[in-house]
Amino acid sequence: MNDYSKRSPAPWQLDDGDGSQLGVFDSNGEEIAYLCEPRNLASETPTANARLIAVAPDLLAALKSILENSGERSIRDTARTAITKAEGT
């Protein structure tokens, strides 16, 4: 379940370049996501999407911590479901 070799190394960073494109890069500086969606100054959706992608490894680690440390079954079940989706297991 903890096979991190299947994904790019964390932390992931958001880079908005010159403001016309959004990229997410791993800790080695390799691009792992590129949002082709043009930025609309009235909309923060592309930036919000890129931030969510960039924080994915941190969210996965937080869920795993919750799964290991929570005494409440419903919280553990929710965390386990999200981890399964993230890891494709």
N, C-alpha and C. Protein backbone atom coordinates (compact mmCIF):
# COMPACT_ATOMS: atom_id res chain seq x y z
N MET A 1 0.81 -1.20 0.00
CA MET A 1 0.00 0.00 0.00
C MET A 1 0.85 1.27 0.00
N ASN A 2 2.06 1.21 0.50
CA ASN A 2 2.91 2.38 0.57
C ASN A 2 3.97 2.41 -0.52
N ASP A 3 3.65 1.99 -1.72
CA ASP A 3 4.63 1.95 -2.80
C ASP A 3 4.69 3.31 -3.48
N TYR A 4 5.51 4.21 -2.91
CA TYR A 4 5.64 5.55 -3.46
C TYR A 4 6.48 5.60 -4.72
N SER A 5 7.08 4.48 -5.11
CA SER A 5 7.89 4.48 -6.33
C SER A 5 7.03 4.64 -7.57
N LYS A 6 5.72 4.48 -7.43
CA LYS A 6 4.82 4.59 -8.58
C LYS A 6 4.41 6.02 -8.88
N ARG A 7 4.81 6.96 -8.04
CA ARG A 7 4.45 8.36 -8.30
C ARG A 7 5.69 9.23 -8.17
N SER A 8 5.55 10.43 -8.64
CA SER A 8 6.66 11.39 -8.58
C SER A 8 6.94 11.77 -7.13
N PRO A 9 8.22 12.03 -6.81
CA PRO A 9 8.56 12.34 -5.43
C PRO A 9 7.99 13.69 -4.96
N ALA A 10 7.54 13.69 -3.73
CA ALA A 10 7.01 14.90 -3.10
C ALA A 10 8.17 15.68 -2.48
N PRO A 11 8.00 16.94 -2.17
CA PRO A 11 6.77 17.70 -2.35
C PRO A 11 6.59 18.16 -3.80
N TRP A 12 5.34 18.40 -4.14
CA TRP A 12 5.02 18.94 -5.46
C TRP A 12 4.83 20.44 -5.33
N GLN A 13 5.24 21.17 -6.35
CA GLN A 13 5.19 22.62 -6.33
C GLN A 13 4.38 23.16 -7.50
N LEU A 14 3.61 24.19 -7.26
CA LEU A 14 2.86 24.89 -8.29
C LEU A 14 3.74 25.99 -8.85
N ASP A 15 3.78 26.12 -10.17
CA ASP A 15 4.53 27.20 -10.82
C ASP A 15 3.62 27.80 -11.88
N ASP A 16 3.33 29.07 -11.73
CA ASP A 16 2.46 29.71 -12.72
C ASP A 16 3.23 30.42 -13.81
N GLY A 17 4.54 30.15 -13.89
CA GLY A 17 5.35 30.67 -14.98
C GLY A 17 5.15 32.15 -15.20
N ASP A 18 4.77 32.50 -16.41
CA ASP A 18 4.59 33.91 -16.75
C ASP A 18 3.16 34.38 -16.53
N GLY A 19 2.35 33.53 -15.90
CA GLY A 19 0.96 33.90 -15.64
C GLY A 19 -0.01 33.41 -16.68
N SER A 20 0.47 32.83 -17.77
CA SER A 20 -0.43 32.35 -18.82
C SER A 20 -0.55 30.83 -18.82
N GLN A 21 0.24 30.15 -17.98
CA GLN A 21 0.17 28.69 -17.92
C GLN A 21 0.45 28.25 -16.49
N LEU A 22 -0.04 27.07 -16.15
CA LEU A 22 0.15 26.52 -14.82
C LEU A 22 0.79 25.16 -14.92
N GLY A 23 1.81 24.92 -14.14
CA GLY A 23 2.46 23.62 -14.10
C GLY A 23 2.65 23.17 -12.67
N VAL A 24 2.66 21.85 -12.49
CA VAL A 24 2.96 21.26 -11.18
C VAL A 24 4.22 20.42 -11.38
N PHE A 25 5.20 20.62 -10.49
CA PHE A 25 6.49 19.98 -10.62
C PHE A 25 6.81 19.18 -9.37
N ASP A 26 7.50 18.03 -9.56
CA ASP A 26 7.89 17.22 -8.41
C ASP A 26 9.15 17.78 -7.77
N SER A 27 9.64 17.09 -6.74
CA SER A 27 10.80 17.60 -6.01
C SER A 27 12.08 17.60 -6.83
N ASN A 28 12.08 16.89 -7.96
CA ASN A 28 13.23 16.90 -8.87
C ASN A 28 13.11 17.95 -9.96
N GLY A 29 12.02 18.72 -9.92
CA GLY A 29 11.81 19.74 -10.94
C GLY A 29 11.18 19.22 -12.21
N GLU A 30 10.76 17.96 -12.20
CA GLU A 30 10.10 17.38 -13.38
C GLU A 30 8.63 17.77 -13.39
N GLU A 31 8.14 18.18 -14.56
CA GLU A 31 6.74 18.55 -14.67
C GLU A 31 5.88 17.30 -14.60
N ILE A 32 4.88 17.32 -13.71
CA ILE A 32 3.98 16.17 -13.60
C ILE A 32 2.57 16.51 -14.03
N ALA A 33 2.26 17.79 -14.12
CA ALA A 33 0.95 18.20 -14.60
C ALA A 33 1.07 19.57 -15.24
N TYR A 34 0.29 19.76 -16.28
CA TYR A 34 0.26 21.04 -16.98
C TYR A 34 -1.20 21.35 -17.26
N LEU A 35 -1.67 22.46 -16.80
CA LEU A 35 -3.05 22.85 -17.03
C LEU A 35 -3.12 23.74 -18.26
N CYS A 36 -3.74 23.22 -19.29
CA CYS A 36 -3.86 23.94 -20.55
C CYS A 36 -5.01 24.93 -20.54
N GLU A 37 -5.83 24.84 -19.55
CA GLU A 37 -6.98 25.71 -19.43
C GLU A 37 -6.51 27.16 -19.34
N PRO A 38 -6.94 28.02 -20.25
CA PRO A 38 -6.49 29.41 -20.18
C PRO A 38 -7.04 30.09 -18.93
N ARG A 39 -6.24 30.94 -18.35
CA ARG A 39 -6.67 31.67 -17.16
C ARG A 39 -7.60 32.80 -17.53
N ASN A 40 -8.67 32.86 -16.81
CA ASN A 40 -9.60 33.96 -16.95
C ASN A 40 -9.44 34.78 -15.68
N LEU A 41 -9.14 36.02 -15.81
CA LEU A 41 -8.89 36.85 -14.63
C LEU A 41 -10.05 36.86 -13.65
N ALA A 42 -11.26 36.62 -14.13
CA ALA A 42 -12.44 36.60 -13.26
C ALA A 42 -12.61 35.25 -12.58
N SER A 43 -11.83 34.25 -12.99
CA SER A 43 -12.00 32.90 -12.45
C SER A 43 -10.71 32.40 -11.81
N GLU A 44 -10.83 31.88 -10.62
CA GLU A 44 -9.68 31.29 -9.92
C GLU A 44 -9.66 29.77 -10.08
N THR A 45 -10.56 29.21 -10.89
CA THR A 45 -10.67 27.76 -11.01
C THR A 45 -9.38 27.09 -11.46
N PRO A 46 -8.70 27.54 -12.52
CA PRO A 46 -7.47 26.85 -12.93
C PRO A 46 -6.40 26.84 -11.83
N THR A 47 -6.23 27.95 -11.13
CA THR A 47 -5.24 28.01 -10.06
C THR A 47 -5.65 27.11 -8.90
N ALA A 48 -6.93 27.10 -8.57
CA ALA A 48 -7.41 26.24 -7.49
C ALA A 48 -7.20 24.76 -7.84
N ASN A 49 -7.44 24.40 -9.09
CA ASN A 49 -7.22 23.03 -9.52
C ASN A 49 -5.74 22.65 -9.43
N ALA A 50 -4.88 23.54 -9.86
CA ALA A 50 -3.44 23.28 -9.82
C ALA A 50 -2.94 23.17 -8.38
N ARG A 51 -3.47 24.00 -7.49
CA ARG A 51 -3.07 23.91 -6.07
C ARG A 51 -3.49 22.57 -5.49
N LEU A 52 -4.68 22.10 -5.83
CA LEU A 52 -5.15 20.81 -5.33
C LEU A 52 -4.27 19.67 -5.84
N ILE A 53 -3.87 19.73 -7.09
CA ILE A 53 -2.97 18.71 -7.64
C ILE A 53 -1.64 18.75 -6.89
N ALA A 54 -1.11 19.95 -6.67
CA ALA A 54 0.20 20.08 -6.03
C ALA A 54 0.20 19.57 -4.60
N VAL A 55 -0.91 19.68 -3.90
CA VAL A 55 -0.96 19.27 -2.49
C VAL A 55 -1.38 17.80 -2.33
N ALA A 56 -1.64 17.10 -3.41
CA ALA A 56 -2.11 15.71 -3.33
C ALA A 56 -1.24 14.81 -2.45
N PRO A 57 0.09 14.84 -2.56
CA PRO A 57 0.90 13.98 -1.68
C PRO A 57 0.72 14.29 -0.20
N ASP A 58 0.56 15.57 0.12
CA ASP A 58 0.35 15.96 1.52
C ASP A 58 -1.01 15.48 2.01
N LEU A 59 -2.03 15.58 1.17
CA LEU A 59 -3.35 15.10 1.55
C LEU A 59 -3.35 13.59 1.77
N LEU A 60 -2.66 12.87 0.91
CA LEU A 60 -2.56 11.42 1.06
C LEU A 60 -1.89 11.06 2.38
N ALA A 61 -0.81 11.75 2.71
CA ALA A 61 -0.12 11.49 3.98
C ALA A 61 -1.02 11.81 5.18
N ALA A 62 -1.78 12.89 5.08
CA ALA A 62 -2.69 13.24 6.16
C ALA A 62 -3.77 12.18 6.34
N LEU A 63 -4.31 11.69 5.25
CA LEU A 63 -5.32 10.63 5.33
C LEU A 63 -4.77 9.37 5.96
N LYS A 64 -3.54 9.03 5.61
CA LYS A 64 -2.93 7.84 6.20
C LYS A 64 -2.73 8.02 7.70
N SER A 65 -2.39 9.22 8.11
CA SER A 65 -2.24 9.50 9.54
C SER A 65 -3.58 9.38 10.25
N ILE A 66 -4.63 9.91 9.64
CA ILE A 66 -5.97 9.80 10.21
C ILE A 66 -6.37 8.33 10.33
N LEU A 67 -6.11 7.56 9.30
CA LEU A 67 -6.45 6.15 9.30
C LEU A 67 -5.76 5.42 10.45
N GLU A 68 -4.52 5.75 10.69
CA GLU A 68 -3.74 5.08 11.74
C GLU A 68 -4.10 5.56 13.14
N ASN A 69 -4.56 6.82 13.27
CA ASN A 69 -4.71 7.41 14.60
C ASN A 69 -6.13 7.70 15.04
N SER A 70 -7.10 7.58 14.16
CA SER A 70 -8.47 7.91 14.53
C SER A 70 -9.16 6.71 15.17
N GLY A 71 -9.88 6.99 16.22
CA GLY A 71 -10.64 5.94 16.88
C GLY A 71 -12.05 5.82 16.34
N GLU A 72 -12.47 6.76 15.50
CA GLU A 72 -13.84 6.75 14.99
C GLU A 72 -13.91 6.01 13.66
N ARG A 73 -14.73 4.97 13.62
CA ARG A 73 -14.82 4.10 12.45
C ARG A 73 -15.21 4.84 11.18
N SER A 74 -16.18 5.73 11.25
CA SER A 74 -16.63 6.43 10.04
C SER A 74 -15.52 7.29 9.44
N ILE A 75 -14.70 7.90 10.30
CA ILE A 75 -13.57 8.70 9.81
C ILE A 75 -12.54 7.79 9.16
N ARG A 76 -12.24 6.67 9.77
CA ARG A 76 -11.28 5.72 9.19
C ARG A 76 -11.79 5.19 7.86
N ASP A 77 -13.08 4.90 7.77
CA ASP A 77 -13.65 4.39 6.51
C ASP A 77 -13.55 5.42 5.40
N THR A 78 -13.83 6.68 5.73
CA THR A 78 -13.72 7.75 4.74
C THR A 78 -12.28 7.91 4.27
N ALA A 79 -11.34 7.90 5.21
CA ALA A 79 -9.92 8.02 4.86
C ALA A 79 -9.48 6.83 4.02
N ARG A 80 -9.89 5.63 4.39
CA ARG A 80 -9.51 4.42 3.65
C ARG A 80 -10.03 4.46 2.21
N THR A 81 -11.25 4.93 2.03
CA THR A 81 -11.83 5.04 0.68
C THR A 81 -11.03 6.01 -0.18
N ALA A 82 -10.67 7.16 0.38
CA ALA A 82 -9.90 8.16 -0.38
C ALA A 82 -8.50 7.64 -0.70
N ILE A 83 -7.87 6.94 0.24
CA ILE A 83 -6.54 6.37 0.01
C ILE A 83 -6.60 5.34 -1.11
N THR A 84 -7.61 4.51 -1.08
CA THR A 84 -7.78 3.49 -2.13
C THR A 84 -7.92 4.15 -3.50
N LYS A 85 -8.69 5.21 -3.59
CA LYS A 85 -8.83 5.93 -4.86
C LYS A 85 -7.50 6.53 -5.30
N ALA A 86 -6.77 7.12 -4.37
CA ALA A 86 -5.51 7.79 -4.70
C ALA A 86 -4.45 6.80 -5.14
N GLU A 87 -4.42 5.63 -4.50
CA GLU A 87 -3.39 4.64 -4.81
C GLU A 87 -3.81 3.62 -5.86
N GLY A 88 -5.08 3.66 -6.25
CA GLY A 88 -5.56 2.73 -7.27
C GLY A 88 -5.55 1.29 -6.82
N THR A 89 -5.73 1.08 -5.51
CA THR A 89 -5.74 -0.29 -4.99
C THR A 89 -7.12 -0.72 -4.58
